[in-house]
Amino acid sequence: MSIESTSLKFSGHQTFPIRYGWIYKIIQEVVGGESLSSQLNVEKQMQSMGMGKNMVLSVRYWIRALNLVTCVDHKE
């Protein structure tokens, strides 16, 4: 991998390092059909994962940064 083919990003994790259990929780959300890109789902994910808003945004960042999910835009 070269630097030219890599995009660097220094924000998005809300200053939270990835934590034990986060991967499992967010994968369960994805398997359940929840969207990771919708801002409307933040409140729902806060309740279902037992996290605050910034933690939900952070775990969304980490799941994408680790390439564990691929986000697809379904807008027509």
PDB file of N, CA and C in Angstrom:
ATOM      1  N   MET A   1       0.851  -1.167   0.000  1.00  0.00           N
ATOM      2  CA  MET A   1       0.000   0.000   0.000  1.00  0.00           C
ATOM      3  C   MET A   1       0.896   1.229   0.000  1.00  0.00           C
ATOM      4  N   SER A   2       0.574   2.159  -0.865  1.00  0.00           N
ATOM      5  CA  SER A   2       1.343   3.395  -0.917  1.00  0.00           C
ATOM      6  C   SER A   2       0.547   4.525  -0.285  1.00  0.00           C
ATOM      7  N   ILE A   3       1.237   5.579   0.050  1.00  0.00           N
ATOM      8  CA  ILE A   3       0.574   6.736   0.657  1.00  0.00           C
ATOM      9  C   ILE A   3      -0.385   7.384  -0.331  1.00  0.00           C
ATOM     10  N   GLU A   4      -0.069   7.321  -1.621  1.00  0.00           N
ATOM     11  CA  GLU A   4      -0.943   7.918  -2.627  1.00  0.00           C
ATOM     12  C   GLU A   4      -2.314   7.246  -2.658  1.00  0.00           C
ATOM     13  N   SER A   5      -2.377   5.937  -2.380  1.00  0.00           N
ATOM     14  CA  SER A   5      -3.648   5.219  -2.438  1.00  0.00           C
ATOM     15  C   SER A   5      -4.380   5.201  -1.094  1.00  0.00           C
ATOM     16  N   THR A   6      -3.810   5.818  -0.088  1.00  0.00           N
ATOM     17  CA  THR A   6      -4.409   5.835   1.237  1.00  0.00           C
ATOM     18  C   THR A   6      -4.944   7.220   1.556  1.00  0.00           C
ATOM     19  N   SER A   7      -6.171   7.267   2.041  1.00  0.00           N
ATOM     20  CA  SER A   7      -6.704   8.553   2.487  1.00  0.00           C
ATOM     21  C   SER A   7      -6.595   8.600   4.007  1.00  0.00           C
ATOM     22  N   LEU A   8      -5.981   9.631   4.498  1.00  0.00           N
ATOM     23  CA  LEU A   8      -5.788   9.789   5.935  1.00  0.00           C
ATOM     24  C   LEU A   8      -6.917  10.621   6.524  1.00  0.00           C
ATOM     25  N   LYS A   9      -7.347  10.239   7.707  1.00  0.00           N
ATOM     26  CA  LYS A   9      -8.410  10.970   8.383  1.00  0.00           C
ATOM     27  C   LYS A   9      -8.047  11.038   9.857  1.00  0.00           C
ATOM     28  N   PHE A  10      -8.061  12.230  10.406  1.00  0.00           N
ATOM     29  CA  PHE A  10      -7.651  12.421  11.791  1.00  0.00           C
ATOM     30  C   PHE A  10      -8.809  12.807  12.703  1.00  0.00           C
ATOM     31  N   SER A  11     -10.021  12.631  12.248  1.00  0.00           N
ATOM     32  CA  SER A  11     -11.176  12.947  13.088  1.00  0.00           C
ATOM     33  C   SER A  11     -12.261  11.906  12.851  1.00  0.00           C
ATOM     34  N   GLY A  12     -13.289  11.947  13.657  1.00  0.00           N
ATOM     35  CA  GLY A  12     -14.413  11.039  13.489  1.00  0.00           C
ATOM     36  C   GLY A  12     -14.589  10.081  14.642  1.00  0.00           C
ATOM     37  N   HIS A  13     -13.548   9.883  15.436  1.00  0.00           N
ATOM     38  CA  HIS A  13     -13.629   8.920  16.528  1.00  0.00           C
ATOM     39  C   HIS A  13     -14.051   9.557  17.844  1.00  0.00           C
ATOM     40  N   GLN A  14     -14.337  10.857  17.834  1.00  0.00           N
ATOM     41  CA  GLN A  14     -14.828  11.568  19.021  1.00  0.00           C
ATOM     42  C   GLN A  14     -13.889  11.416  20.218  1.00  0.00           C
ATOM     43  N   THR A  15     -12.618  11.222  19.972  1.00  0.00           N
ATOM     44  CA  THR A  15     -11.533  11.029  20.956  1.00  0.00           C
ATOM     45  C   THR A  15     -11.625   9.708  21.722  1.00  0.00           C
ATOM     46  N   PHE A  16     -12.503   8.787  21.296  1.00  0.00           N
ATOM     47  CA  PHE A  16     -12.611   7.487  21.952  1.00  0.00           C
ATOM     48  C   PHE A  16     -11.761   6.461  21.214  1.00  0.00           C
ATOM     49  N   PRO A  17     -10.856   5.777  21.915  1.00  0.00           N
ATOM     50  CA  PRO A  17     -10.198   4.624  21.286  1.00  0.00           C
ATOM     51  C   PRO A  17     -11.212   3.484  21.186  1.00  0.00           C
ATOM     52  N   ILE A  18     -10.965   2.559  20.292  1.00  0.00           N
ATOM     53  CA  ILE A  18     -11.885   1.426  20.160  1.00  0.00           C
ATOM     54  C   ILE A  18     -11.877   0.625  21.457  1.00  0.00           C
ATOM     55  N   ARG A  19     -13.037   0.185  21.876  1.00  0.00           N
ATOM     56  CA  ARG A  19     -13.175  -0.491  23.168  1.00  0.00           C
ATOM     57  C   ARG A  19     -13.684  -1.916  23.004  1.00  0.00           C
ATOM     58  N   TYR A  20     -13.342  -2.726  23.986  1.00  0.00           N
ATOM     59  CA  TYR A  20     -13.775  -4.118  23.990  1.00  0.00           C
ATOM     60  C   TYR A  20     -15.303  -4.181  23.968  1.00  0.00           C
ATOM     61  N   GLY A  21     -15.852  -4.986  23.110  1.00  0.00           N
ATOM     62  CA  GLY A  21     -17.294  -5.165  23.031  1.00  0.00           C
ATOM     63  C   GLY A  21     -17.977  -4.312  21.984  1.00  0.00           C
ATOM     64  N   TRP A  22     -17.334  -3.259  21.531  1.00  0.00           N
ATOM     65  CA  TRP A  22     -17.948  -2.376  20.545  1.00  0.00           C
ATOM     66  C   TRP A  22     -18.184  -3.084  19.217  1.00  0.00           C
ATOM     67  N   ILE A  23     -17.197  -3.853  18.768  1.00  0.00           N
ATOM     68  CA  ILE A  23     -17.324  -4.529  17.478  1.00  0.00           C
ATOM     69  C   ILE A  23     -18.545  -5.453  17.502  1.00  0.00           C
ATOM     70  N   TYR A  24     -18.678  -6.226  18.555  1.00  0.00           N
ATOM     71  CA  TYR A  24     -19.818  -7.137  18.673  1.00  0.00           C
ATOM     72  C   TYR A  24     -21.138  -6.367  18.631  1.00  0.00           C
ATOM     73  N   LYS A  25     -21.230  -5.284  19.391  1.00  0.00           N
ATOM     74  CA  LYS A  25     -22.472  -4.514  19.462  1.00  0.00           C
ATOM     75  C   LYS A  25     -22.859  -3.936  18.106  1.00  0.00           C
ATOM     76  N   ILE A  26     -21.906  -3.355  17.402  1.00  0.00           N
ATOM     77  CA  ILE A  26     -22.246  -2.710  16.132  1.00  0.00           C
ATOM     78  C   ILE A  26     -22.524  -3.742  15.043  1.00  0.00           C
ATOM     79  N   ILE A  27     -21.825  -4.876  15.078  1.00  0.00           N
ATOM     80  CA  ILE A  27     -22.109  -5.933  14.102  1.00  0.00           C
ATOM     81  C   ILE A  27     -23.527  -6.464  14.313  1.00  0.00           C
ATOM     82  N   GLN A  28     -23.972  -6.572  15.554  1.00  0.00           N
ATOM     83  CA  GLN A  28     -25.348  -6.993  15.835  1.00  0.00           C
ATOM     84  C   GLN A  28     -26.347  -5.990  15.257  1.00  0.00           C
ATOM     85  N   GLU A  29     -26.020  -4.713  15.300  1.00  0.00           N
ATOM     86  CA  GLU A  29     -26.886  -3.691  14.706  1.00  0.00           C
ATOM     87  C   GLU A  29     -26.959  -3.867  13.189  1.00  0.00           C
ATOM     88  N   VAL A  30     -25.810  -4.102  12.567  1.00  0.00           N
ATOM     89  CA  VAL A  30     -25.757  -4.266  11.109  1.00  0.00           C
ATOM     90  C   VAL A  30     -26.517  -5.525  10.693  1.00  0.00           C
ATOM     91  N   VAL A  31     -26.301  -6.626  11.402  1.00  0.00           N
ATOM     92  CA  VAL A  31     -27.001  -7.876  11.097  1.00  0.00           C
ATOM     93  C   VAL A  31     -28.510  -7.692  11.259  1.00  0.00           C
ATOM     94  N   GLY A  32     -28.904  -6.852  12.199  1.00  0.00           N
ATOM     95  CA  GLY A  32     -30.319  -6.560  12.420  1.00  0.00           C
ATOM     96  C   GLY A  32     -30.915  -5.618  11.390  1.00  0.00           C
ATOM     97  N   GLY A  33     -30.104  -5.158  10.444  1.00  0.00           N
ATOM     98  CA  GLY A  33     -30.605  -4.317   9.363  1.00  0.00           C
ATOM     99  C   GLY A  33     -30.551  -2.827   9.629  1.00  0.00           C
ATOM    100  N   GLU A  34     -29.894  -2.406  10.687  1.00  0.00           N
ATOM    101  CA  GLU A  34     -29.811  -0.979  11.002  1.00  0.00           C
ATOM    102  C   GLU A  34     -28.783  -0.282  10.113  1.00  0.00           C
ATOM    103  N   SER A  35     -29.090   0.937   9.721  1.00  0.00           N
ATOM    104  CA  SER A  35     -28.190   1.735   8.894  1.00  0.00           C
ATOM    105  C   SER A  35     -27.133   2.406   9.763  1.00  0.00           C
ATOM    106  N   LEU A  36     -25.896   2.381   9.301  1.00  0.00           N
ATOM    107  CA  LEU A  36     -24.817   3.062  10.016  1.00  0.00           C
ATOM    108  C   LEU A  36     -24.641   4.494   9.553  1.00  0.00           C
ATOM    109  N   SER A  37     -25.266   4.852   8.447  1.00  0.00           N
ATOM    110  CA  SER A  37     -25.051   6.193   7.922  1.00  0.00           C
ATOM    111  C   SER A  37     -26.193   7.151   8.244  1.00  0.00           C
ATOM    112  N   SER A  38     -27.296   6.641   8.727  1.00  0.00           N
ATOM    113  CA  SER A  38     -28.454   7.480   9.006  1.00  0.00           C
ATOM    114  C   SER A  38     -28.329   8.176  10.356  1.00  0.00           C
ATOM    115  N   GLN A  39     -28.488   9.486  10.353  1.00  0.00           N
ATOM    116  CA  GLN A  39     -28.481  10.240  11.601  1.00  0.00           C
ATOM    117  C   GLN A  39     -29.741   9.955  12.423  1.00  0.00           C
ATOM    118  N   LEU A  40     -30.788   9.480  11.758  1.00  0.00           N
ATOM    119  CA  LEU A  40     -32.029   9.164  12.464  1.00  0.00           C
ATOM    120  C   LEU A  40     -31.871   7.957  13.375  1.00  0.00           C
ATOM    121  N   ASN A  41     -30.928   7.083  13.072  1.00  0.00           N
ATOM    122  CA  ASN A  41     -30.734   5.876  13.869  1.00  0.00           C
ATOM    123  C   ASN A  41     -29.857   6.093  15.090  1.00  0.00           C
ATOM    124  N   VAL A  42     -29.263   7.264  15.253  1.00  0.00           N
ATOM    125  CA  VAL A  42     -28.363   7.504  16.383  1.00  0.00           C
ATOM    126  C   VAL A  42     -29.099   7.310  17.705  1.00  0.00           C
ATOM    127  N   GLU A  43     -30.272   7.901  17.848  1.00  0.00           N
ATOM    128  CA  GLU A  43     -31.048   7.768  19.091  1.00  0.00           C
ATOM    129  C   GLU A  43     -31.404   6.310  19.367  1.00  0.00           C
ATOM    130  N   LYS A  44     -31.819   5.602  18.325  1.00  0.00           N
ATOM    131  CA  LYS A  44     -32.185   4.193  18.475  1.00  0.00           C
ATOM    132  C   LYS A  44     -30.970   3.361  18.874  1.00  0.00           C
ATOM    133  N   GLN A  45     -29.823   3.628  18.251  1.00  0.00           N
ATOM    134  CA  GLN A  45     -28.607   2.886  18.572  1.00  0.00           C
ATOM    135  C   GLN A  45     -28.087   3.239  19.963  1.00  0.00           C
ATOM    136  N   MET A  46     -28.307   4.461  20.406  1.00  0.00           N
ATOM    137  CA  MET A  46     -27.924   4.830  21.771  1.00  0.00           C
ATOM    138  C   MET A  46     -28.643   3.919  22.765  1.00  0.00           C
ATOM    139  N   GLN A  47     -29.922   3.692  22.531  1.00  0.00           N
ATOM    140  CA  GLN A  47     -30.712   2.855  23.435  1.00  0.00           C
ATOM    141  C   GLN A  47     -30.347   1.381  23.315  1.00  0.00           C
ATOM    142  N   SER A  48     -30.232   0.891  22.095  1.00  0.00           N
ATOM    143  CA  SER A  48     -30.000  -0.546  21.918  1.00  0.00           C
ATOM    144  C   SER A  48     -28.587  -0.969  22.306  1.00  0.00           C
ATOM    145  N   MET A  49     -27.602  -0.073  22.146  1.00  0.00           N
ATOM    146  CA  MET A  49     -26.225  -0.428  22.484  1.00  0.00           C
ATOM    147  C   MET A  49     -25.818   0.059  23.867  1.00  0.00           C
ATOM    148  N   GLY A  50     -26.658   0.872  24.506  1.00  0.00           N
ATOM    149  CA  GLY A  50     -26.341   1.370  25.842  1.00  0.00           C
ATOM    150  C   GLY A  50     -25.168   2.323  25.852  1.00  0.00           C
ATOM    151  N   MET A  51     -25.106   3.196  24.856  1.00  0.00           N
ATOM    152  CA  MET A  51     -23.997   4.148  24.718  1.00  0.00           C
ATOM    153  C   MET A  51     -24.546   5.555  24.568  1.00  0.00           C
ATOM    154  N   GLY A  52     -23.681   6.530  24.818  1.00  0.00           N
ATOM    155  CA  GLY A  52     -24.023   7.915  24.556  1.00  0.00           C
ATOM    156  C   GLY A  52     -23.856   8.241  23.081  1.00  0.00           C
ATOM    157  N   LYS A  53     -24.319   9.419  22.691  1.00  0.00           N
ATOM    158  CA  LYS A  53     -24.283   9.821  21.285  1.00  0.00           C
ATOM    159  C   LYS A  53     -22.861   9.819  20.729  1.00  0.00           C
ATOM    160  N   ASN A  54     -21.910  10.399  21.453  1.00  0.00           N
ATOM    161  CA  ASN A  54     -20.540  10.457  20.947  1.00  0.00           C
ATOM    162  C   ASN A  54     -19.919   9.073  20.819  1.00  0.00           C
ATOM    163  N   MET A  55     -20.272   8.166  21.723  1.00  0.00           N
ATOM    164  CA  MET A  55     -19.756   6.798  21.618  1.00  0.00           C
ATOM    165  C   MET A  55     -20.337   6.089  20.396  1.00  0.00           C
ATOM    166  N   VAL A  56     -21.613   6.305  20.120  1.00  0.00           N
ATOM    167  CA  VAL A  56     -22.233   5.702  18.934  1.00  0.00           C
ATOM    168  C   VAL A  56     -21.538   6.210  17.675  1.00  0.00           C
ATOM    169  N   LEU A  57     -21.301   7.518  17.607  1.00  0.00           N
ATOM    170  CA  LEU A  57     -20.608   8.072  16.444  1.00  0.00           C
ATOM    171  C   LEU A  57     -19.189   7.530  16.338  1.00  0.00           C
ATOM    172  N   SER A  58     -18.545   7.330  17.472  1.00  0.00           N
ATOM    173  CA  SER A  58     -17.193   6.791  17.485  1.00  0.00           C
ATOM    174  C   SER A  58     -17.158   5.348  17.000  1.00  0.00           C
ATOM    175  N   VAL A  59     -18.071   4.525  17.481  1.00  0.00           N
ATOM    176  CA  VAL A  59     -18.078   3.123  17.061  1.00  0.00           C
ATOM    177  C   VAL A  59     -18.413   3.009  15.576  1.00  0.00           C
ATOM    178  N   ARG A  60     -19.248   3.898  15.066  1.00  0.00           N
ATOM    179  CA  ARG A  60     -19.514   3.934  13.625  1.00  0.00           C
ATOM    180  C   ARG A  60     -18.231   4.250  12.855  1.00  0.00           C
ATOM    181  N   TYR A  61     -17.467   5.199  13.367  1.00  0.00           N
ATOM    182  CA  TYR A  61     -16.188   5.546  12.736  1.00  0.00           C
ATOM    183  C   TYR A  61     -15.256   4.337  12.724  1.00  0.00           C
ATOM    184  N   TRP A  62     -15.093   3.688  13.874  1.00  0.00           N
ATOM    185  CA  TRP A  62     -14.141   2.588  13.990  1.00  0.00           C
ATOM    186  C   TRP A  62     -14.518   1.402  13.119  1.00  0.00           C
ATOM    187  N   ILE A  63     -15.801   1.095  13.006  1.00  0.00           N
ATOM    188  CA  ILE A  63     -16.218  -0.048  12.199  1.00  0.00           C
ATOM    189  C   ILE A  63     -15.884   0.189  10.727  1.00  0.00           C
ATOM    190  N   ARG A  64     -15.973   1.449  10.298  1.00  0.00           N
ATOM    191  CA  ARG A  64     -15.591   1.785   8.915  1.00  0.00           C
ATOM    192  C   ARG A  64     -14.077   1.833   8.762  1.00  0.00           C
ATOM    193  N   ALA A  65     -13.385   2.396   9.740  1.00  0.00           N
ATOM    194  CA  ALA A  65     -11.926   2.512   9.678  1.00  0.00           C
ATOM    195  C   ALA A  65     -11.256   1.143   9.642  1.00  0.00           C
ATOM    196  N   LEU A  66     -11.849   0.163  10.299  1.00  0.00           N
ATOM    197  CA  LEU A  66     -11.308  -1.197  10.308  1.00  0.00           C
ATOM    198  C   LEU A  66     -11.754  -2.012   9.094  1.00  0.00           C
ATOM    199  N   ASN A  67     -12.536  -1.387   8.209  1.00  0.00           N
ATOM    200  CA  ASN A  67     -13.050  -2.041   6.994  1.00  0.00           C
ATOM    201  C   ASN A  67     -13.854  -3.301   7.303  1.00  0.00           C
ATOM    202  N   LEU A  68     -14.637  -3.260   8.366  1.00  0.00           N
ATOM    203  CA  LEU A  68     -15.486  -4.394   8.709  1.00  0.00           C
ATOM    204  C   LEU A  68     -16.856  -4.304   8.050  1.00  0.00           C
ATOM    205  N   VAL A  69     -17.222  -3.114   7.590  1.00  0.00           N
ATOM    206  CA  VAL A  69     -18.463  -2.920   6.842  1.00  0.00           C
ATOM    207  C   VAL A  69     -18.172  -2.025   5.646  1.00  0.00           C
ATOM    208  N   THR A  70     -19.028  -2.132   4.659  1.00  0.00           N
ATOM    209  CA  THR A  70     -18.954  -1.256   3.499  1.00  0.00           C
ATOM    210  C   THR A  70     -20.254  -0.475   3.444  1.00  0.00           C
ATOM    211  N   CYS A  71     -20.160   0.831   3.402  1.00  0.00           N
ATOM    212  CA  CYS A  71     -21.350   1.670   3.340  1.00  0.00           C
ATOM    213  C   CYS A  71     -21.703   1.925   1.883  1.00  0.00           C
ATOM    214  N   VAL A  72     -22.982   1.749   1.567  1.00  0.00           N
ATOM    215  CA  VAL A  72     -23.471   1.931   0.210  1.00  0.00           C
ATOM    216  C   VAL A  72     -24.545   3.000   0.240  1.00  0.00           C
ATOM    217  N   ASP A  73     -24.459   3.950  -0.684  1.00  0.00           N
ATOM    218  CA  ASP A  73     -25.458   5.009  -0.784  1.00  0.00           C
ATOM    219  C   ASP A  73     -26.610   4.498  -1.636  1.00  0.00           C
ATOM    220  N   HIS A  74     -27.817   4.434  -1.054  1.00  0.00           N
ATOM    221  CA  HIS A  74     -28.986   3.918  -1.766  1.00  0.00           C
ATOM    222  C   HIS A  74     -29.872   5.029  -2.309  1.00  0.00           C
ATOM    223  N   LYS A  75     -29.393   6.263  -2.350  1.00  0.00           N
ATOM    224  CA  LYS A  75     -30.207   7.369  -2.855  1.00  0.00           C
ATOM    225  C   LYS A  75     -30.375   7.226  -4.361  1.00  0.00           C
ATOM    226  N   GLU A  76     -31.562   7.497  -4.824  1.00  0.00           N
ATOM    227  CA  GLU A  76     -31.855   7.400  -6.258  1.00  0.00           C
ATOM    228  C   GLU A  76     -31.812   8.774  -6.871  1.00  0.00           C
TER     229      GLU A  76
END
